[in-house]
Amino acid sequence: MNDIIGDWYSRRLKEMSEPSLSVADVKAETYRFVWLSELDRWMSLRLTIAPDRTAELVTKKSSRYRRSEFGPLAINKRTQISQRETEILLELLEQTNFWDLASYALPSGFDGDQWIVEGVRDGKYHVVERWSGRELRDWVLLLMEKSGADLQPID
């Protein structure tokens, strides 16, 4: 990420009380999807894999619709994910070739949503940023479903 985008994204994460995955000493395998929308409330879903291969999913969604203001959280929820469900999530993410996707792609339009997926595994950090990211859609929708939160499907 260039410095301007990185600073802007860092501020959004701070507003959501989300930790940095790129600079923190993250020990556990962790993935985070952040959805920044022009027309809807932002959301973050962070999946942290435990040594026993269960996981914790932290779901956060803002209460405001304006991109320049975050506001208090409308959703702040933790969900425990079983070993089998964790395996399914990781298999689906693997099918997207997440670790081999280019970090950035040119936007394909003027109106849409910013999708950011980060991952940390074995000390390696990777980020994929897309404008209305299609490659990761199935994984994101399953993650949203597993959260159990009232999240609207995203296009």
Protein backbone atom coordinates (compact mmCIF):
# COMPACT_ATOMS: atom_id res chain seq x y z
CA MET A 1 0.00 0.00 0.00
CA ASN A 2 1.26 3.45 -0.69
CA ASP A 3 1.69 5.73 2.33
CA ILE A 4 -1.52 7.74 1.80
CA ILE A 5 -3.71 4.65 1.44
CA GLY A 6 -1.85 2.92 4.27
CA ASP A 7 -2.41 5.86 6.61
CA TRP A 8 -6.08 6.08 5.69
CA TYR A 9 -6.57 2.33 6.16
CA SER A 10 -4.69 2.39 9.48
CA ARG A 11 -7.04 5.10 10.75
CA ARG A 12 -10.09 2.99 9.79
CA LEU A 13 -8.66 -0.01 11.66
CA LYS A 14 -7.94 2.14 14.70
CA GLU A 15 -11.53 3.46 14.62
CA MET A 16 -12.73 -0.15 14.70
CA SER A 17 -10.24 -1.02 17.49
CA GLU A 18 -8.68 -3.58 15.18
CA PRO A 19 -5.02 -4.58 15.59
CA SER A 20 -2.47 -4.17 12.84
CA LEU A 21 -1.62 -7.47 11.22
CA SER A 22 1.19 -6.12 9.06
CA VAL A 23 3.44 -4.70 11.78
CA ALA A 24 2.31 -6.49 14.92
CA ASP A 25 4.01 -9.59 16.21
CA VAL A 26 1.12 -11.85 15.22
CA LYS A 27 1.79 -15.41 16.35
CA ALA A 28 -1.49 -17.10 15.38
CA GLU A 29 -2.62 -17.70 11.82
CA THR A 30 -5.03 -14.82 11.22
CA TYR A 31 -7.15 -13.51 8.36
CA ARG A 32 -9.16 -10.33 8.18
CA PHE A 33 -11.68 -9.08 5.66
CA VAL A 34 -12.46 -5.37 5.72
CA TRP A 35 -15.28 -3.98 3.61
CA LEU A 36 -15.26 -0.23 3.07
CA SER A 37 -18.35 0.86 1.21
CA GLU A 38 -19.31 4.14 -0.41
CA LEU A 39 -22.98 3.60 0.40
CA ASP A 40 -23.17 1.28 3.39
CA ARG A 41 -21.63 0.80 6.82
CA TRP A 42 -18.10 -0.60 7.00
CA MET A 43 -17.39 -4.01 8.44
CA SER A 44 -14.48 -6.12 9.56
CA LEU A 45 -14.34 -9.88 10.08
CA ARG A 46 -11.16 -11.25 11.70
CA LEU A 47 -10.56 -15.00 11.92
CA THR A 48 -7.86 -16.17 14.34
CA ILE A 49 -6.89 -19.82 14.23
CA ALA A 50 -6.08 -21.50 17.57
CA PRO A 51 -3.41 -24.25 17.92
CA ASP A 52 -6.20 -26.87 18.11
CA ARG A 53 -7.47 -25.57 14.71
CA THR A 54 -10.65 -24.08 16.13
CA ALA A 55 -11.02 -20.36 15.50
CA GLU A 56 -12.46 -17.17 16.86
CA LEU A 57 -14.27 -14.84 14.48
CA VAL A 58 -14.53 -11.19 15.51
CA THR A 59 -17.18 -9.28 13.59
CA LYS A 60 -17.47 -5.50 13.68
CA LYS A 61 -19.74 -3.17 11.75
CA SER A 62 -19.97 0.60 11.95
CA SER A 63 -23.15 2.46 12.74
CA ARG A 64 -22.69 5.26 10.21
CA TYR A 65 -22.98 5.27 6.45
CA ARG A 66 -20.63 8.13 5.58
CA ARG A 67 -17.16 7.13 4.43
CA SER A 68 -15.55 10.07 6.24
CA GLU A 69 -17.00 9.15 9.64
CA PHE A 70 -16.92 5.83 11.42
CA GLY A 71 -19.08 6.32 14.51
CA PRO A 72 -19.72 3.75 17.24
CA LEU A 73 -19.95 0.05 16.43
CA ALA A 74 -23.40 -1.28 15.57
CA ILE A 75 -22.04 -4.86 15.77
CA ASN A 76 -19.13 -6.08 17.89
CA LYS A 77 -19.40 -9.85 18.19
CA ARG A 78 -17.16 -12.85 18.87
CA THR A 79 -18.08 -16.27 17.48
CA GLN A 80 -16.33 -19.57 18.15
CA ILE A 81 -15.73 -21.69 15.05
CA SER A 82 -15.34 -25.47 15.27
CA GLN A 83 -12.37 -27.38 13.84
CA ARG A 84 -14.46 -28.67 10.92
CA GLU A 85 -15.86 -25.22 10.10
CA THR A 86 -12.34 -23.77 10.35
CA GLU A 87 -11.07 -26.43 7.92
CA ILE A 88 -13.84 -25.54 5.46
CA LEU A 89 -13.03 -21.82 5.69
CA LEU A 90 -9.31 -22.44 5.19
CA GLU A 91 -9.91 -24.84 2.27
CA LEU A 92 -12.15 -22.30 0.55
CA LEU A 93 -9.58 -19.55 1.07
CA GLU A 94 -6.89 -21.84 -0.34
CA GLN A 95 -9.03 -22.38 -3.45
CA THR A 96 -8.93 -18.61 -4.09
CA ASN A 97 -5.10 -18.80 -4.29
CA PHE A 98 -5.06 -15.96 -1.75
CA TRP A 99 -1.34 -16.26 -1.02
CA ASP A 100 -0.53 -15.98 -4.75
CA LEU A 101 -2.94 -13.16 -5.66
CA ALA A 102 -1.41 -9.81 -6.52
CA SER A 103 -1.82 -7.39 -3.64
CA TYR A 104 -3.35 -4.68 -5.80
CA ALA A 105 -5.37 -4.51 -9.00
CA LEU A 106 -6.61 -1.49 -10.88
CA PRO A 107 -10.16 -0.45 -9.97
CA SER A 108 -12.75 -1.67 -12.45
CA GLY A 109 -15.16 1.23 -11.99
CA PHE A 110 -15.94 4.46 -10.24
CA ASP A 111 -18.58 3.24 -7.82
CA GLY A 112 -18.16 0.21 -5.64
CA ASP A 113 -16.69 -1.11 -2.46
CA GLN A 114 -13.15 -1.58 -1.30
CA TRP A 115 -12.37 -5.16 -0.24
CA ILE A 116 -9.23 -5.76 1.78
CA VAL A 117 -8.20 -9.25 2.86
CA GLU A 118 -5.12 -9.67 5.01
CA GLY A 119 -3.48 -12.86 6.15
CA VAL A 120 -0.68 -13.84 8.50
CA ARG A 121 0.64 -17.40 8.43
CA ASP A 122 3.99 -18.72 9.63
CA GLY A 123 5.24 -15.16 10.11
CA LYS A 124 4.35 -14.16 6.53
CA TYR A 125 1.96 -11.26 5.85
CA HIS A 126 -0.05 -10.82 2.66
CA VAL A 127 -2.73 -8.31 1.67
CA VAL A 128 -5.14 -8.36 -1.26
CA GLU A 129 -6.98 -5.13 -1.99
CA ARG A 130 -9.71 -5.09 -4.62
CA TRP A 131 -12.46 -2.82 -5.84
CA SER A 132 -15.56 -5.00 -5.28
CA GLY A 133 -13.29 -8.07 -5.09
CA ARG A 134 -14.78 -11.05 -6.88
CA GLU A 135 -11.97 -13.58 -6.39
CA LEU A 136 -12.67 -13.83 -2.67
CA ARG A 137 -16.46 -13.49 -2.75
CA ASP A 138 -17.39 -17.09 -1.77
CA TRP A 139 -14.95 -17.10 1.16
CA VAL A 140 -16.20 -13.72 2.39
CA LEU A 141 -19.86 -14.76 2.17
CA LEU A 142 -19.14 -17.94 4.16
CA LEU A 143 -17.23 -15.90 6.75
CA MET A 144 -20.21 -13.54 7.03
CA GLU A 145 -22.56 -16.50 7.45
CA LYS A 146 -20.38 -18.05 10.19
CA SER A 147 -20.39 -14.76 12.09
CA GLY A 148 -24.06 -15.22 12.91
CA ALA A 149 -24.38 -11.43 12.79
CA ASP A 150 -27.07 -9.58 10.89
CA LEU A 151 -24.90 -8.67 7.88
CA GLN A 152 -26.45 -7.89 4.54
CA PRO A 153 -25.07 -9.83 1.58
CA ILE A 154 -22.58 -7.78 -0.36
CA ASP A 155 -22.42 -7.51 -4.12
